[in-house]
Amino acid sequence: MYYDSPAWVQPRRNKCVQMKDGRICQYGAVVESKEKEAQLHARDRDVHWVRTEHGSGEIYKSNLYEKLLSLAAIKLSTLDPEGLGIEMEAGKPGWNDSMNGLPGLFASGFSELCELQRLVRFLIHAQVKLSGDSVLRLPREVAKLIQQLKLAMEEYYHDSDEADCRDESKDYSFWSRISDAREAYRETVRFGLKGQKHH
């Protein structure tokens, strides 16, 4: 099961602000949704588990591989513009108080990127062992996110093969595209999953 929380990370257009000195920072990234709280309070049991039919259906259940693949997709979509770390979007990174100001400065974590690499290697290894034993079925929302990430990466690496040097504008375009995919995904699952599976 997936935990269902009234808190969510706002899209970039809502959390990026210009300071008096002209710098751009991100503040107020996490908000508590009153609509979501009302939805959770309206449930008679098992309040904090993600449900189908946008929150009004059954509790959504998955297997461990599906959950880890979903996590990997979200983490991949949170790469920083240079591809050197996972963005610190909001809150307290790693619950380390000395790092509390870093999300506001668009910081990213290299150690989290190393963990993502380790997770992806594990998933590839597990997929080889599981092939033929079971069919992977993902929520349609997660499958769409993965498809968008795949297309963005294919385009990025195809263009990189044709270029002789690193192009920062291309890096930024890739980052913006995967960030758009992540924000669209979050919006579609904010009140629950539709419940449709994709093979």
C-alpha atoms as a PDB file:
ATOM      1  CA  MET A   1       0.000   0.000   0.000  1.00  0.00           C
ATOM      2  CA  TYR A   2       1.055   3.625  -0.509  1.00  0.00           C
ATOM      3  CA  TYR A   3       0.808   6.282   2.219  1.00  0.00           C
ATOM      4  CA  ASP A   4      -1.693   9.047   1.431  1.00  0.00           C
ATOM      5  CA  SER A   5      -0.779  12.460   2.821  1.00  0.00           C
ATOM      6  CA  PRO A   6      -2.524  15.840   2.656  1.00  0.00           C
ATOM      7  CA  ALA A   7       0.890  17.469   2.079  1.00  0.00           C
ATOM      8  CA  TRP A   8       2.256  17.858  -1.420  1.00  0.00           C
ATOM      9  CA  VAL A   9       5.143  19.594  -3.179  1.00  0.00           C
ATOM     10  CA  GLN A  10       4.013  22.534  -5.269  1.00  0.00           C
ATOM     11  CA  PRO A  11       5.060  22.958  -8.905  1.00  0.00           C
ATOM     12  CA  ARG A  12       7.944  25.315  -9.691  1.00  0.00           C
ATOM     13  CA  ARG A  13       5.628  28.149 -10.754  1.00  0.00           C
ATOM     14  CA  ASN A  14       4.210  28.319  -7.197  1.00  0.00           C
ATOM     15  CA  LYS A  15       7.357  27.867  -5.110  1.00  0.00           C
ATOM     16  CA  CYS A  16       9.977  29.932  -6.974  1.00  0.00           C
ATOM     17  CA  VAL A  17      10.206  33.534  -5.796  1.00  0.00           C
ATOM     18  CA  GLN A  18      12.424  36.495  -6.665  1.00  0.00           C
ATOM     19  CA  MET A  19      14.185  38.027  -3.683  1.00  0.00           C
ATOM     20  CA  LYS A  20      14.770  41.775  -3.225  1.00  0.00           C
ATOM     21  CA  ASP A  21      18.370  41.388  -4.382  1.00  0.00           C
ATOM     22  CA  GLY A  22      17.204  39.736  -7.627  1.00  0.00           C
ATOM     23  CA  ARG A  23      18.109  36.144  -6.703  1.00  0.00           C
ATOM     24  CA  ILE A  24      15.588  33.385  -7.391  1.00  0.00           C
ATOM     25  CA  CYS A  25      14.903  31.008  -4.481  1.00  0.00           C
ATOM     26  CA  GLN A  26      12.300  28.341  -3.768  1.00  0.00           C
ATOM     27  CA  TYR A  27      10.235  28.731  -0.626  1.00  0.00           C
ATOM     28  CA  GLY A  28       6.899  27.428   0.614  1.00  0.00           C
ATOM     29  CA  ALA A  29       7.346  24.296  -1.458  1.00  0.00           C
ATOM     30  CA  VAL A  30       5.236  22.002   0.736  1.00  0.00           C
ATOM     31  CA  VAL A  31       1.595  22.838   1.342  1.00  0.00           C
ATOM     32  CA  GLU A  32      -1.215  21.081   3.171  1.00  0.00           C
ATOM     33  CA  SER A  33      -4.238  20.661   0.917  1.00  0.00           C
ATOM     34  CA  LYS A  34      -7.568  21.436   2.605  1.00  0.00           C
ATOM     35  CA  GLU A  35      -9.371  19.449  -0.120  1.00  0.00           C
ATOM     36  CA  LYS A  36      -7.148  16.452   0.534  1.00  0.00           C
ATOM     37  CA  GLU A  37      -7.650  16.698   4.307  1.00  0.00           C
ATOM     38  CA  ALA A  38     -11.423  16.746   3.746  1.00  0.00           C
ATOM     39  CA  GLN A  39     -11.122  13.678   1.512  1.00  0.00           C
ATOM     40  CA  LEU A  40      -9.119  11.812   4.172  1.00  0.00           C
ATOM     41  CA  HIS A  41     -11.512  12.788   6.997  1.00  0.00           C
ATOM     42  CA  ALA A  42     -14.490  11.567   4.950  1.00  0.00           C
ATOM     43  CA  ARG A  43     -13.134   8.002   4.973  1.00  0.00           C
ATOM     44  CA  ASP A  44     -14.524   5.682   7.603  1.00  0.00           C
ATOM     45  CA  ARG A  45     -11.441   3.427   7.913  1.00  0.00           C
ATOM     46  CA  ASP A  46      -7.819   3.076   6.743  1.00  0.00           C
ATOM     47  CA  VAL A  47      -7.666   6.824   6.268  1.00  0.00           C
ATOM     48  CA  HIS A  48      -4.042   7.236   5.149  1.00  0.00           C
ATOM     49  CA  TRP A  49      -3.737   4.721   2.296  1.00  0.00           C
ATOM     50  CA  VAL A  50      -3.870   5.702  -1.388  1.00  0.00           C
ATOM     51  CA  ARG A  51      -7.086   4.588  -3.064  1.00  0.00           C
ATOM     52  CA  THR A  52      -8.313   4.065  -6.601  1.00  0.00           C
ATOM     53  CA  GLU A  53     -10.975   6.104  -8.428  1.00  0.00           C
ATOM     54  CA  HIS A  54      -9.196   9.303  -7.352  1.00  0.00           C
ATOM     55  CA  GLY A  55      -9.558   8.544  -3.667  1.00  0.00           C
ATOM     56  CA  SER A  56     -13.079   7.146  -3.462  1.00  0.00           C
ATOM     57  CA  GLY A  57     -12.369   3.518  -4.407  1.00  0.00           C
ATOM     58  CA  GLU A  58     -10.497   0.595  -2.892  1.00  0.00           C
ATOM     59  CA  ILE A  59      -7.066   0.798  -1.280  1.00  0.00           C
ATOM     60  CA  TYR A  60      -4.456   0.445  -4.004  1.00  0.00           C
ATOM     61  CA  LYS A  61      -2.063  -2.469  -3.492  1.00  0.00           C
ATOM     62  CA  SER A  62       1.107  -3.310  -5.352  1.00  0.00           C
ATOM     63  CA  ASN A  63       4.186  -5.483  -5.040  1.00  0.00           C
ATOM     64  CA  LEU A  64       7.653  -4.421  -3.893  1.00  0.00           C
ATOM     65  CA  TYR A  65       9.127  -4.298  -7.404  1.00  0.00           C
ATOM     66  CA  GLU A  66       6.385  -1.929  -8.555  1.00  0.00           C
ATOM     67  CA  LYS A  67       6.926   0.357  -5.566  1.00  0.00           C
ATOM     68  CA  LEU A  68      10.693   0.471  -6.092  1.00  0.00           C
ATOM     69  CA  LEU A  69      10.288   1.130  -9.821  1.00  0.00           C
ATOM     70  CA  SER A  70       7.885   3.988  -9.032  1.00  0.00           C
ATOM     71  CA  LEU A  71      10.407   5.412  -6.555  1.00  0.00           C
ATOM     72  CA  ALA A  72      13.213   5.178  -9.127  1.00  0.00           C
ATOM     73  CA  ALA A  73      11.096   7.021 -11.716  1.00  0.00           C
ATOM     74  CA  ILE A  74      10.288   9.838  -9.291  1.00  0.00           C
ATOM     75  CA  LYS A  75      13.942  10.150  -8.243  1.00  0.00           C
ATOM     76  CA  LEU A  76      15.094  10.173 -11.871  1.00  0.00           C
ATOM     77  CA  SER A  77      12.607  12.935 -12.645  1.00  0.00           C
ATOM     78  CA  THR A  78      14.164  14.953  -9.808  1.00  0.00           C
ATOM     79  CA  LEU A  79      17.670  15.171 -11.306  1.00  0.00           C
ATOM     80  CA  ASP A  80      19.199  18.643 -11.053  1.00  0.00           C
ATOM     81  CA  PRO A  81      19.822  20.640 -14.276  1.00  0.00           C
ATOM     82  CA  GLU A  82      23.428  19.392 -14.528  1.00  0.00           C
ATOM     83  CA  GLY A  83      22.578  15.753 -13.789  1.00  0.00           C
ATOM     84  CA  LEU A  84      24.951  15.715 -10.800  1.00  0.00           C
ATOM     85  CA  GLY A  85      22.479  15.095  -7.986  1.00  0.00           C
ATOM     86  CA  ILE A  86      18.878  14.716  -6.867  1.00  0.00           C
ATOM     87  CA  GLU A  87      17.180  18.046  -6.233  1.00  0.00           C
ATOM     88  CA  MET A  88      16.349  19.063  -2.684  1.00  0.00           C
ATOM     89  CA  GLU A  89      12.867  20.269  -3.470  1.00  0.00           C
ATOM     90  CA  ALA A  90      11.534  21.029  -0.019  1.00  0.00           C
ATOM     91  CA  GLY A  91      11.559  20.444   3.713  1.00  0.00           C
ATOM     92  CA  LYS A  92      14.451  19.016   5.673  1.00  0.00           C
ATOM     93  CA  PRO A  93      16.874  17.087   3.447  1.00  0.00           C
ATOM     94  CA  GLY A  94      17.772  13.866   5.227  1.00  0.00           C
ATOM     95  CA  TRP A  95      16.333  15.387   8.418  1.00  0.00           C
ATOM     96  CA  ASN A  96      19.707  17.085   8.861  1.00  0.00           C
ATOM     97  CA  ASP A  97      19.087  20.483  10.478  1.00  0.00           C
ATOM     98  CA  SER A  98      22.339  21.935   9.154  1.00  0.00           C
ATOM     99  CA  MET A  99      20.983  21.484   5.591  1.00  0.00           C
ATOM    100  CA  ASN A 100      17.572  23.120   6.110  1.00  0.00           C
ATOM    101  CA  GLY A 101      18.369  26.184   3.981  1.00  0.00           C
ATOM    102  CA  LEU A 102      19.668  24.247   0.989  1.00  0.00           C
ATOM    103  CA  PRO A 103      16.312  23.494  -0.726  1.00  0.00           C
ATOM    104  CA  GLY A 104      15.690  27.249  -0.942  1.00  0.00           C
ATOM    105  CA  LEU A 105      18.970  27.602  -2.843  1.00  0.00           C
ATOM    106  CA  PHE A 106      18.135  24.850  -5.374  1.00  0.00           C
ATOM    107  CA  ALA A 107      20.707  22.476  -3.894  1.00  0.00           C
ATOM    108  CA  SER A 108      20.970  18.830  -4.867  1.00  0.00           C
ATOM    109  CA  GLY A 109      22.431  15.715  -3.277  1.00  0.00           C
ATOM    110  CA  PHE A 110      25.062  13.551  -4.973  1.00  0.00           C
ATOM    111  CA  SER A 111      24.689  10.769  -2.401  1.00  0.00           C
ATOM    112  CA  GLU A 112      20.997  10.448  -3.329  1.00  0.00           C
ATOM    113  CA  LEU A 113      22.028  10.095  -6.980  1.00  0.00           C
ATOM    114  CA  CYS A 114      24.393   7.264  -5.990  1.00  0.00           C
ATOM    115  CA  GLU A 115      21.487   5.594  -4.167  1.00  0.00           C
ATOM    116  CA  LEU A 116      19.340   5.960  -7.284  1.00  0.00           C
ATOM    117  CA  GLN A 117      22.048   4.244  -9.327  1.00  0.00           C
ATOM    118  CA  ARG A 118      22.185   1.420  -6.794  1.00  0.00           C
ATOM    119  CA  LEU A 119      18.385   1.084  -6.874  1.00  0.00           C
ATOM    120  CA  VAL A 120      18.308   0.947 -10.687  1.00  0.00           C
ATOM    121  CA  ARG A 121      21.005  -1.748 -10.722  1.00  0.00           C
ATOM    122  CA  PHE A 122      18.995  -3.752  -8.189  1.00  0.00           C
ATOM    123  CA  LEU A 123      15.821  -3.421 -10.301  1.00  0.00           C
ATOM    124  CA  ILE A 124      17.641  -4.545 -13.459  1.00  0.00           C
ATOM    125  CA  HIS A 125      19.099  -7.551 -11.624  1.00  0.00           C
ATOM    126  CA  ALA A 126      15.685  -8.411 -10.127  1.00  0.00           C
ATOM    127  CA  GLN A 127      13.972  -8.065 -13.507  1.00  0.00           C
ATOM    128  CA  VAL A 128      16.342 -10.620 -15.039  1.00  0.00           C
ATOM    129  CA  LYS A 129      15.590 -13.066 -12.209  1.00  0.00           C
ATOM    130  CA  LEU A 130      11.832 -12.436 -12.369  1.00  0.00           C
ATOM    131  CA  SER A 131      11.427 -12.518 -16.145  1.00  0.00           C
ATOM    132  CA  GLY A 132       8.816 -15.046 -17.105  1.00  0.00           C
ATOM    133  CA  ASP A 133       7.599 -15.488 -13.523  1.00  0.00           C
ATOM    134  CA  SER A 134       5.263 -12.536 -13.441  1.00  0.00           C
ATOM    135  CA  VAL A 135       3.945  -9.679 -15.548  1.00  0.00           C
ATOM    136  CA  LEU A 136       4.784  -6.187 -14.373  1.00  0.00           C
ATOM    137  CA  ARG A 137       1.642  -4.105 -14.044  1.00  0.00           C
ATOM    138  CA  LEU A 138       1.954  -0.439 -13.138  1.00  0.00           C
ATOM    139  CA  PRO A 139      -0.640   2.218 -12.390  1.00  0.00           C
ATOM    140  CA  ARG A 140      -1.363   4.084 -15.622  1.00  0.00           C
ATOM    141  CA  GLU A 141      -0.051   7.313 -14.038  1.00  0.00           C
ATOM    142  CA  VAL A 142       3.347   5.759 -13.223  1.00  0.00           C
ATOM    143  CA  ALA A 143       3.577   4.116 -16.650  1.00  0.00           C
ATOM    144  CA  LYS A 144       2.952   7.509 -18.297  1.00  0.00           C
ATOM    145  CA  LEU A 145       5.679   9.134 -16.185  1.00  0.00           C
ATOM    146  CA  ILE A 146       8.156   6.392 -17.129  1.00  0.00           C
ATOM    147  CA  GLN A 147       7.252   6.749 -20.818  1.00  0.00           C
ATOM    148  CA  GLN A 148       7.818  10.524 -20.689  1.00  0.00           C
ATOM    149  CA  LEU A 149      11.194  10.035 -18.969  1.00  0.00           C
ATOM    150  CA  LYS A 150      12.184   7.434 -21.558  1.00  0.00           C
ATOM    151  CA  LEU A 151      11.339   9.763 -24.455  1.00  0.00           C
ATOM    152  CA  ALA A 152      13.200  12.678 -22.847  1.00  0.00           C
ATOM    153  CA  MET A 153      16.315  10.542 -22.293  1.00  0.00           C
ATOM    154  CA  GLU A 154      16.242   9.076 -25.792  1.00  0.00           C
ATOM    155  CA  GLU A 155      16.012  12.552 -27.307  1.00  0.00           C
ATOM    156  CA  TYR A 156      18.731  13.921 -25.027  1.00  0.00           C
ATOM    157  CA  TYR A 157      21.213  11.127 -25.768  1.00  0.00           C
ATOM    158  CA  HIS A 158      20.381  11.108 -29.487  1.00  0.00           C
ATOM    159  CA  ASP A 159      21.184  14.830 -29.638  1.00  0.00           C
ATOM    160  CA  SER A 160      24.335  14.279 -27.536  1.00  0.00           C
ATOM    161  CA  ASP A 161      25.659  11.768 -30.086  1.00  0.00           C
ATOM    162  CA  GLU A 162      25.384  14.410 -32.768  1.00  0.00           C
ATOM    163  CA  ALA A 163      27.073  17.171 -30.748  1.00  0.00           C
ATOM    164  CA  ASP A 164      30.802  17.453 -30.135  1.00  0.00           C
ATOM    165  CA  CYS A 165      30.577  19.219 -26.776  1.00  0.00           C
ATOM    166  CA  ARG A 166      28.238  19.651 -23.836  1.00  0.00           C
ATOM    167  CA  ASP A 167      25.400  22.083 -24.478  1.00  0.00           C
ATOM    168  CA  GLU A 168      24.062  23.711 -21.307  1.00  0.00           C
ATOM    169  CA  SER A 169      20.828  24.814 -22.999  1.00  0.00           C
ATOM    170  CA  LYS A 170      20.174  21.176 -23.942  1.00  0.00           C
ATOM    171  CA  ASP A 171      20.846  20.119 -20.339  1.00  0.00           C
ATOM    172  CA  TYR A 172      18.379  22.728 -19.110  1.00  0.00           C
ATOM    173  CA  SER A 173      15.755  21.663 -21.664  1.00  0.00           C
ATOM    174  CA  PHE A 174      16.095  18.046 -20.520  1.00  0.00           C
ATOM    175  CA  TRP A 175      15.779  19.086 -16.864  1.00  0.00           C
ATOM    176  CA  SER A 176      12.715  21.215 -17.616  1.00  0.00           C
ATOM    177  CA  ARG A 177      11.089  18.371 -19.547  1.00  0.00           C
ATOM    178  CA  ILE A 178      11.554  15.760 -16.809  1.00  0.00           C
ATOM    179  CA  SER A 179      10.478  18.302 -14.174  1.00  0.00           C
ATOM    180  CA  ASP A 180       7.299  18.992 -16.160  1.00  0.00           C
ATOM    181  CA  ALA A 181       6.648  15.232 -16.293  1.00  0.00           C
ATOM    182  CA  ARG A 182       7.132  14.924 -12.514  1.00  0.00           C
ATOM    183  CA  GLU A 183       4.827  17.853 -11.764  1.00  0.00           C
ATOM    184  CA  ALA A 184       2.135  16.509 -14.119  1.00  0.00           C
ATOM    185  CA  TYR A 185       2.418  13.091 -12.419  1.00  0.00           C
ATOM    186  CA  ARG A 186       2.020  14.639  -8.968  1.00  0.00           C
ATOM    187  CA  GLU A 187      -1.045  16.531 -10.087  1.00  0.00           C
ATOM    188  CA  THR A 188      -2.700  13.385 -11.472  1.00  0.00           C
ATOM    189  CA  VAL A 189      -2.094  11.315  -8.304  1.00  0.00           C
ATOM    190  CA  ARG A 190      -2.751  14.063  -5.771  1.00  0.00           C
ATOM    191  CA  PHE A 191      -6.207  12.732  -4.888  1.00  0.00           C
ATOM    192  CA  GLY A 192      -5.486   9.073  -5.602  1.00  0.00           C
ATOM    193  CA  LEU A 193      -4.991   6.749  -8.560  1.00  0.00           C
ATOM    194  CA  LYS A 194      -7.537   5.987 -11.256  1.00  0.00           C
ATOM    195  CA  GLY A 195      -6.887   2.320 -10.613  1.00  0.00           C
ATOM    196  CA  GLN A 196      -6.172   1.354 -14.202  1.00  0.00           C
ATOM    197  CA  LYS A 197      -3.136  -0.877 -14.724  1.00  0.00           C
ATOM    198  CA  HIS A 198      -0.681  -0.746 -17.587  1.00  0.00           C
ATOM    199  CA  HIS A 199       1.422  -3.752 -18.696  1.00  0.00           C
END
